[in-house]
N, C-alpha and C. Protein backbone atom coordinates (compact mmCIF):
# COMPACT_ATOMS: atom_id res chain seq x y z
N MET A 1 8.52 63.02 -54.48
CA MET A 1 8.12 61.65 -54.23
C MET A 1 8.47 61.27 -52.80
N MET A 2 7.65 60.40 -52.23
CA MET A 2 7.88 59.95 -50.88
C MET A 2 8.92 58.85 -50.88
N PRO A 3 9.88 58.93 -49.95
CA PRO A 3 10.89 57.88 -49.89
C PRO A 3 10.30 56.57 -49.40
N SER A 4 10.86 55.50 -49.86
CA SER A 4 10.40 54.18 -49.46
C SER A 4 11.42 53.57 -48.52
N ASN A 5 10.95 52.97 -47.45
CA ASN A 5 11.83 52.27 -46.53
C ASN A 5 11.99 50.80 -46.92
N VAL A 6 11.25 50.37 -47.92
CA VAL A 6 11.31 48.99 -48.37
C VAL A 6 12.07 48.95 -49.68
N PRO A 7 13.21 48.24 -49.73
CA PRO A 7 13.98 48.19 -50.98
C PRO A 7 13.13 47.73 -52.16
N GLY A 8 13.16 48.48 -53.24
CA GLY A 8 12.43 48.11 -54.44
C GLY A 8 10.94 48.41 -54.39
N GLU A 9 10.46 48.99 -53.31
CA GLU A 9 9.02 49.28 -53.18
C GLU A 9 8.63 50.35 -54.18
N ASP A 10 7.57 50.10 -54.91
CA ASP A 10 7.02 51.06 -55.85
C ASP A 10 6.37 52.19 -55.05
N HIS A 11 6.71 53.44 -55.37
CA HIS A 11 6.17 54.58 -54.62
C HIS A 11 4.65 54.62 -54.67
N GLN A 12 4.06 54.33 -55.81
CA GLN A 12 2.61 54.32 -55.94
C GLN A 12 2.01 53.28 -55.01
N ALA A 13 2.58 52.10 -54.98
CA ALA A 13 2.07 51.03 -54.12
C ALA A 13 2.22 51.41 -52.65
N LEU A 14 3.32 52.06 -52.30
CA LEU A 14 3.52 52.50 -50.92
C LEU A 14 2.46 53.50 -50.51
N LYS A 15 2.16 54.46 -51.37
CA LYS A 15 1.12 55.45 -51.07
C LYS A 15 -0.23 54.78 -50.89
N LEU A 16 -0.53 53.83 -51.73
CA LEU A 16 -1.82 53.14 -51.65
C LEU A 16 -1.91 52.29 -50.39
N ARG A 17 -0.80 51.65 -50.03
CA ARG A 17 -0.82 50.82 -48.82
C ARG A 17 -1.05 51.69 -47.59
N ARG A 18 -0.55 52.92 -47.60
CA ARG A 18 -0.79 53.84 -46.47
C ARG A 18 -2.27 54.18 -46.37
N LEU A 19 -2.98 54.12 -47.46
CA LEU A 19 -4.42 54.38 -47.47
C LEU A 19 -5.22 53.10 -47.26
N GLY A 20 -4.53 51.99 -47.05
CA GLY A 20 -5.22 50.74 -46.79
C GLY A 20 -5.56 49.95 -48.04
N ILE A 21 -4.99 50.34 -49.18
CA ILE A 21 -5.25 49.63 -50.43
C ILE A 21 -4.02 48.81 -50.78
N ASP A 22 -4.17 47.50 -50.79
CA ASP A 22 -3.06 46.60 -51.09
C ASP A 22 -3.06 46.30 -52.58
N THR A 23 -2.19 46.97 -53.31
CA THR A 23 -2.16 46.81 -54.76
C THR A 23 -1.62 45.46 -55.18
N TYR A 24 -0.93 44.77 -54.30
CA TYR A 24 -0.39 43.47 -54.66
C TYR A 24 -1.47 42.41 -54.70
N SER A 25 -2.43 42.50 -53.78
CA SER A 25 -3.46 41.48 -53.74
C SER A 25 -4.73 41.89 -54.49
N ASP A 26 -4.95 43.21 -54.67
CA ASP A 26 -6.20 43.63 -55.31
C ASP A 26 -6.04 44.93 -56.11
N PRO A 27 -5.36 44.88 -57.26
CA PRO A 27 -5.23 46.09 -58.08
C PRO A 27 -6.58 46.57 -58.62
N VAL A 28 -7.56 45.67 -58.70
CA VAL A 28 -8.89 46.05 -59.16
C VAL A 28 -9.51 47.05 -58.18
N MET A 29 -9.26 46.85 -56.88
CA MET A 29 -9.79 47.75 -55.86
C MET A 29 -9.22 49.16 -56.05
N TYR A 30 -7.95 49.25 -56.40
CA TYR A 30 -7.34 50.55 -56.66
C TYR A 30 -8.07 51.26 -57.80
N MET A 31 -8.30 50.56 -58.89
CA MET A 31 -8.97 51.19 -60.03
C MET A 31 -10.40 51.58 -59.68
N ARG A 32 -11.08 50.77 -58.90
CA ARG A 32 -12.43 51.12 -58.47
C ARG A 32 -12.41 52.39 -57.62
N ALA A 33 -11.44 52.48 -56.72
CA ALA A 33 -11.33 53.65 -55.86
C ALA A 33 -11.07 54.91 -56.68
N ILE A 34 -10.18 54.81 -57.67
CA ILE A 34 -9.88 55.96 -58.53
C ILE A 34 -11.11 56.37 -59.33
N ARG A 35 -11.83 55.39 -59.88
CA ARG A 35 -13.04 55.71 -60.65
C ARG A 35 -14.11 56.34 -59.77
N LEU A 36 -14.28 55.82 -58.55
CA LEU A 36 -15.27 56.37 -57.63
C LEU A 36 -14.90 57.80 -57.23
N ALA A 37 -13.65 58.01 -56.87
CA ALA A 37 -13.20 59.36 -56.51
C ALA A 37 -13.36 60.30 -57.69
N GLY A 38 -13.07 59.82 -58.89
CA GLY A 38 -13.25 60.64 -60.09
C GLY A 38 -14.69 61.02 -60.31
N ALA A 39 -15.60 60.07 -60.09
CA ALA A 39 -17.03 60.36 -60.25
C ALA A 39 -17.49 61.41 -59.24
N VAL A 40 -17.00 61.31 -58.02
CA VAL A 40 -17.36 62.30 -56.99
C VAL A 40 -16.84 63.68 -57.39
N LEU A 41 -15.62 63.75 -57.89
CA LEU A 41 -15.07 65.04 -58.33
C LEU A 41 -15.90 65.63 -59.47
N GLU A 42 -16.34 64.80 -60.38
CA GLU A 42 -17.16 65.27 -61.50
C GLU A 42 -18.54 65.72 -61.02
N LEU A 43 -19.15 64.95 -60.11
CA LEU A 43 -20.47 65.31 -59.59
C LEU A 43 -20.42 66.62 -58.79
N ALA A 44 -19.29 66.86 -58.14
CA ALA A 44 -19.12 68.09 -57.36
C ALA A 44 -18.66 69.26 -58.23
N SER A 45 -18.55 69.03 -59.52
CA SER A 45 -18.07 70.04 -60.48
C SER A 45 -16.65 70.51 -60.18
N ALA A 46 -15.88 69.65 -59.53
CA ALA A 46 -14.47 69.96 -59.27
C ALA A 46 -13.59 69.50 -60.43
N ALA A 47 -14.17 68.68 -61.31
CA ALA A 47 -13.46 68.19 -62.49
C ALA A 47 -14.45 68.14 -63.65
N GLY A 48 -13.94 68.39 -64.84
CA GLY A 48 -14.78 68.32 -66.02
C GLY A 48 -15.20 66.89 -66.33
N THR A 49 -16.21 66.73 -67.13
CA THR A 49 -16.70 65.41 -67.50
C THR A 49 -15.59 64.57 -68.10
N GLY A 50 -15.39 63.38 -67.54
CA GLY A 50 -14.37 62.46 -68.03
C GLY A 50 -12.97 62.73 -67.51
N LEU A 51 -12.80 63.76 -66.67
CA LEU A 51 -11.48 64.11 -66.17
C LEU A 51 -11.28 63.79 -64.70
N GLY A 52 -12.32 63.34 -64.02
CA GLY A 52 -12.25 63.10 -62.59
C GLY A 52 -11.26 62.03 -62.18
N ALA A 53 -11.23 60.92 -62.88
CA ALA A 53 -10.32 59.82 -62.51
C ALA A 53 -8.86 60.26 -62.63
N ALA A 54 -8.54 60.99 -63.69
CA ALA A 54 -7.17 61.48 -63.85
C ALA A 54 -6.81 62.45 -62.74
N MET A 55 -7.77 63.30 -62.36
CA MET A 55 -7.53 64.25 -61.27
C MET A 55 -7.31 63.51 -59.95
N ALA A 56 -8.12 62.48 -59.70
CA ALA A 56 -7.98 61.69 -58.47
C ALA A 56 -6.64 60.97 -58.43
N ALA A 57 -6.25 60.37 -59.54
CA ALA A 57 -4.96 59.66 -59.59
C ALA A 57 -3.80 60.64 -59.40
N SER A 58 -3.92 61.82 -59.97
CA SER A 58 -2.88 62.83 -59.83
C SER A 58 -2.73 63.27 -58.37
N ALA A 59 -3.86 63.47 -57.69
CA ALA A 59 -3.83 63.87 -56.29
C ALA A 59 -3.19 62.78 -55.42
N LEU A 60 -3.42 61.54 -55.77
CA LEU A 60 -2.80 60.44 -55.04
C LEU A 60 -1.31 60.38 -55.33
N ASP A 61 -0.94 60.51 -56.59
CA ASP A 61 0.45 60.39 -57.00
C ASP A 61 1.35 61.46 -56.40
N ASP A 62 0.86 62.70 -56.35
CA ASP A 62 1.73 63.77 -55.85
C ASP A 62 1.60 64.03 -54.35
N GLY A 63 0.78 63.24 -53.67
CA GLY A 63 0.69 63.33 -52.22
C GLY A 63 -0.40 64.27 -51.70
N ARG A 64 -1.09 64.98 -52.58
CA ARG A 64 -2.14 65.91 -52.12
C ARG A 64 -3.24 65.18 -51.36
N ALA A 65 -3.65 64.02 -51.85
CA ALA A 65 -4.74 63.28 -51.20
C ALA A 65 -4.33 62.86 -49.79
N TRP A 66 -3.12 62.40 -49.64
CA TRP A 66 -2.63 61.96 -48.33
C TRP A 66 -2.54 63.15 -47.37
N ARG A 67 -2.02 64.28 -47.84
CA ARG A 67 -1.91 65.46 -46.99
C ARG A 67 -3.29 65.97 -46.57
N LYS A 68 -4.23 65.95 -47.48
CA LYS A 68 -5.60 66.37 -47.16
C LYS A 68 -6.22 65.43 -46.13
N PHE A 69 -6.02 64.14 -46.30
CA PHE A 69 -6.53 63.15 -45.35
C PHE A 69 -5.95 63.41 -43.96
N GLN A 70 -4.65 63.65 -43.89
CA GLN A 70 -4.01 63.92 -42.60
C GLN A 70 -4.53 65.21 -41.98
N ALA A 71 -4.68 66.26 -42.79
CA ALA A 71 -5.17 67.55 -42.28
C ALA A 71 -6.59 67.41 -41.73
N GLU A 72 -7.43 66.66 -42.42
CA GLU A 72 -8.80 66.45 -41.94
C GLU A 72 -8.79 65.73 -40.60
N GLY A 73 -7.97 64.73 -40.48
CA GLY A 73 -7.87 64.00 -39.21
C GLY A 73 -7.36 64.89 -38.10
N ASP A 74 -6.35 65.69 -38.39
CA ASP A 74 -5.80 66.62 -37.40
C ASP A 74 -6.85 67.63 -36.96
N SER A 75 -7.61 68.17 -37.91
CA SER A 75 -8.61 69.18 -37.55
C SER A 75 -9.73 68.57 -36.71
N GLN A 76 -10.08 67.32 -36.96
CA GLN A 76 -11.11 66.68 -36.16
C GLN A 76 -10.62 66.40 -34.75
N CYS A 77 -9.36 66.05 -34.63
CA CYS A 77 -8.80 65.78 -33.29
C CYS A 77 -8.69 67.08 -32.49
N ASN A 78 -8.46 68.18 -33.14
CA ASN A 78 -8.27 69.47 -32.45
C ASN A 78 -9.57 70.17 -32.12
N THR A 79 -10.70 69.66 -32.55
CA THR A 79 -11.97 70.34 -32.29
C THR A 79 -12.67 69.83 -31.06
N HIS A 80 -12.19 68.76 -30.44
CA HIS A 80 -12.87 68.19 -29.27
C HIS A 80 -12.27 68.70 -28.00
């Protein structure tokens, strides 16, 4: 789990805020993002039918999504 610099900060909320999703003001947006990411995973055959949202939430929870996002940004910066 990622450490929080804010006392009492929920780790999930901290991860989401780093991605620009403010769970305090719009938890509905978080659920929409998870459902959308899940649908993309299912359409790409990366997840079985009905399993995409759980896979997306898992990737966010364990930090894989954030690491992938950072790696993509780094690779784009290094190609110019």
